[in-house]
Amino acid sequence: MITKAAVKLGDDVYTGLRHPQIIHHVVWIGVADYVHQGEQGFVTDDGEFLDRMAASQHAVASGQVKERSSPWPLLSEEVW
């Protein structure tokens, strides 16, 4: 199950409710200089980081979201 939105910067994963909030935080604390430095995704209940596409498949397979007709990657608004 998807539990948090996440941004991965190198080996570090920062989590929160929404990706823009996480990005704002990492820029504010000086970890990233701009939005596109990290990979956006989600974290599962077992702590695994999944990129947006893998998270889409995981959320559907676990029944967390209904089958998606959109070709776009999973958005946090679809999960909670």
C-alpha atoms as a PDB file:
ATOM      1  CA  MET A   1       0.000   0.000   0.000  1.00  0.00           C
ATOM      2  CA  ILE A   2       1.166   3.539  -0.776  1.00  0.00           C
ATOM      3  CA  THR A   3       1.622   5.509   2.445  1.00  0.00           C
ATOM      4  CA  LYS A   4       3.417   8.745   1.507  1.00  0.00           C
ATOM      5  CA  ALA A   5       4.379  10.942  -1.403  1.00  0.00           C
ATOM      6  CA  ALA A   6       8.160  11.059  -1.799  1.00  0.00           C
ATOM      7  CA  VAL A   7      11.057  12.748  -3.552  1.00  0.00           C
ATOM      8  CA  LYS A   8      14.303  10.835  -3.921  1.00  0.00           C
ATOM      9  CA  LEU A   9      17.519  12.850  -4.044  1.00  0.00           C
ATOM     10  CA  GLY A  10      20.516  10.559  -4.457  1.00  0.00           C
ATOM     11  CA  ASP A  11      20.210   7.937  -1.719  1.00  0.00           C
ATOM     12  CA  ASP A  12      17.929  10.074   0.454  1.00  0.00           C
ATOM     13  CA  VAL A  13      14.145   9.915   0.333  1.00  0.00           C
ATOM     14  CA  TYR A  14      12.028  12.796   1.652  1.00  0.00           C
ATOM     15  CA  THR A  15       8.365  12.146   2.331  1.00  0.00           C
ATOM     16  CA  GLY A  16       5.173  14.062   2.927  1.00  0.00           C
ATOM     17  CA  LEU A  17       1.555  14.393   1.934  1.00  0.00           C
ATOM     18  CA  ARG A  18       2.063  16.126  -1.436  1.00  0.00           C
ATOM     19  CA  HIS A  19       5.045  16.417  -3.775  1.00  0.00           C
ATOM     20  CA  PRO A  20       5.052  20.257  -3.919  1.00  0.00           C
ATOM     21  CA  GLN A  21       5.280  20.398  -0.119  1.00  0.00           C
ATOM     22  CA  ILE A  22       8.241  18.009  -0.121  1.00  0.00           C
ATOM     23  CA  ILE A  23       9.994  19.949  -2.881  1.00  0.00           C
ATOM     24  CA  HIS A  24       9.447  23.228  -1.046  1.00  0.00           C
ATOM     25  CA  HIS A  25      10.901  21.673   2.119  1.00  0.00           C
ATOM     26  CA  VAL A  26      14.074  20.288   0.487  1.00  0.00           C
ATOM     27  CA  VAL A  27      14.703  23.614  -1.245  1.00  0.00           C
ATOM     28  CA  TRP A  28      14.059  25.516   1.999  1.00  0.00           C
ATOM     29  CA  ILE A  29      16.516  23.376   4.006  1.00  0.00           C
ATOM     30  CA  GLY A  30      19.106  23.695   1.229  1.00  0.00           C
ATOM     31  CA  VAL A  31      19.210  20.065   0.089  1.00  0.00           C
ATOM     32  CA  ALA A  32      18.117  20.855  -3.478  1.00  0.00           C
ATOM     33  CA  ASP A  33      18.579  23.980  -5.540  1.00  0.00           C
ATOM     34  CA  TYR A  34      15.551  23.540  -7.751  1.00  0.00           C
ATOM     35  CA  VAL A  35      12.527  21.345  -8.390  1.00  0.00           C
ATOM     36  CA  HIS A  36      13.892  18.950 -11.020  1.00  0.00           C
ATOM     37  CA  GLN A  37      16.859  17.570  -9.094  1.00  0.00           C
ATOM     38  CA  GLY A  38      14.923  14.690  -7.540  1.00  0.00           C
ATOM     39  CA  GLU A  39      12.820  11.800  -8.682  1.00  0.00           C
ATOM     40  CA  GLN A  40       9.206  12.035  -7.591  1.00  0.00           C
ATOM     41  CA  GLY A  41       7.413   8.931  -6.405  1.00  0.00           C
ATOM     42  CA  PHE A  42       5.820   7.291  -3.396  1.00  0.00           C
ATOM     43  CA  VAL A  43       6.795   5.130  -0.436  1.00  0.00           C
ATOM     44  CA  THR A  44       5.000   1.890   0.391  1.00  0.00           C
ATOM     45  CA  ASP A  45       4.059   0.611   3.835  1.00  0.00           C
ATOM     46  CA  ASP A  46       7.233  -1.512   3.825  1.00  0.00           C
ATOM     47  CA  GLY A  47       9.409   1.551   3.145  1.00  0.00           C
ATOM     48  CA  GLU A  48      10.104   0.884  -0.539  1.00  0.00           C
ATOM     49  CA  PHE A  49      10.449   3.913  -2.838  1.00  0.00           C
ATOM     50  CA  LEU A  50       8.526   3.559  -6.105  1.00  0.00           C
ATOM     51  CA  ASP A  51       8.645   6.015  -8.994  1.00  0.00           C
ATOM     52  CA  ARG A  52       5.268   7.379 -10.102  1.00  0.00           C
ATOM     53  CA  MET A  53       4.695   4.708 -12.787  1.00  0.00           C
ATOM     54  CA  ALA A  54       5.581   1.788 -10.506  1.00  0.00           C
ATOM     55  CA  ALA A  55       3.440   3.352  -7.778  1.00  0.00           C
ATOM     56  CA  SER A  56       0.509   3.509 -10.214  1.00  0.00           C
ATOM     57  CA  GLN A  57       0.753  -0.220 -10.822  1.00  0.00           C
ATOM     58  CA  HIS A  58       1.243  -0.966  -7.121  1.00  0.00           C
ATOM     59  CA  ALA A  59      -1.761   1.128  -6.050  1.00  0.00           C
ATOM     60  CA  VAL A  60      -4.034  -0.612  -8.570  1.00  0.00           C
ATOM     61  CA  ALA A  61      -2.727  -4.097  -7.713  1.00  0.00           C
ATOM     62  CA  SER A  62      -3.237  -3.505  -3.991  1.00  0.00           C
ATOM     63  CA  GLY A  63      -6.763  -2.141  -4.518  1.00  0.00           C
ATOM     64  CA  GLN A  64      -5.827   1.264  -3.154  1.00  0.00           C
ATOM     65  CA  VAL A  65      -7.049   2.976  -6.328  1.00  0.00           C
ATOM     66  CA  LYS A  66      -9.340   1.788  -9.095  1.00  0.00           C
ATOM     67  CA  GLU A  67      -7.996   0.778 -12.472  1.00  0.00           C
ATOM     68  CA  ARG A  68      -6.609   3.885 -14.073  1.00  0.00           C
ATOM     69  CA  SER A  69      -7.456   4.914 -17.609  1.00  0.00           C
ATOM     70  CA  SER A  70      -5.016   7.822 -17.553  1.00  0.00           C
ATOM     71  CA  PRO A  71      -1.602   7.348 -19.199  1.00  0.00           C
ATOM     72  CA  TRP A  72      -0.162   9.818 -16.664  1.00  0.00           C
ATOM     73  CA  PRO A  73       1.695   8.609 -13.570  1.00  0.00           C
ATOM     74  CA  LEU A  74      -0.004   8.389 -10.186  1.00  0.00           C
ATOM     75  CA  LEU A  75      -0.779  11.647  -8.366  1.00  0.00           C
ATOM     76  CA  SER A  76      -1.034  11.924  -4.601  1.00  0.00           C
ATOM     77  CA  GLU A  77      -4.526  13.400  -5.036  1.00  0.00           C
ATOM     78  CA  GLU A  78      -5.649  10.026  -6.394  1.00  0.00           C
ATOM     79  CA  VAL A  79      -4.466   8.198  -3.282  1.00  0.00           C
ATOM     80  CA  TRP A  80      -5.699  10.485  -0.479  1.00  0.00           C
END
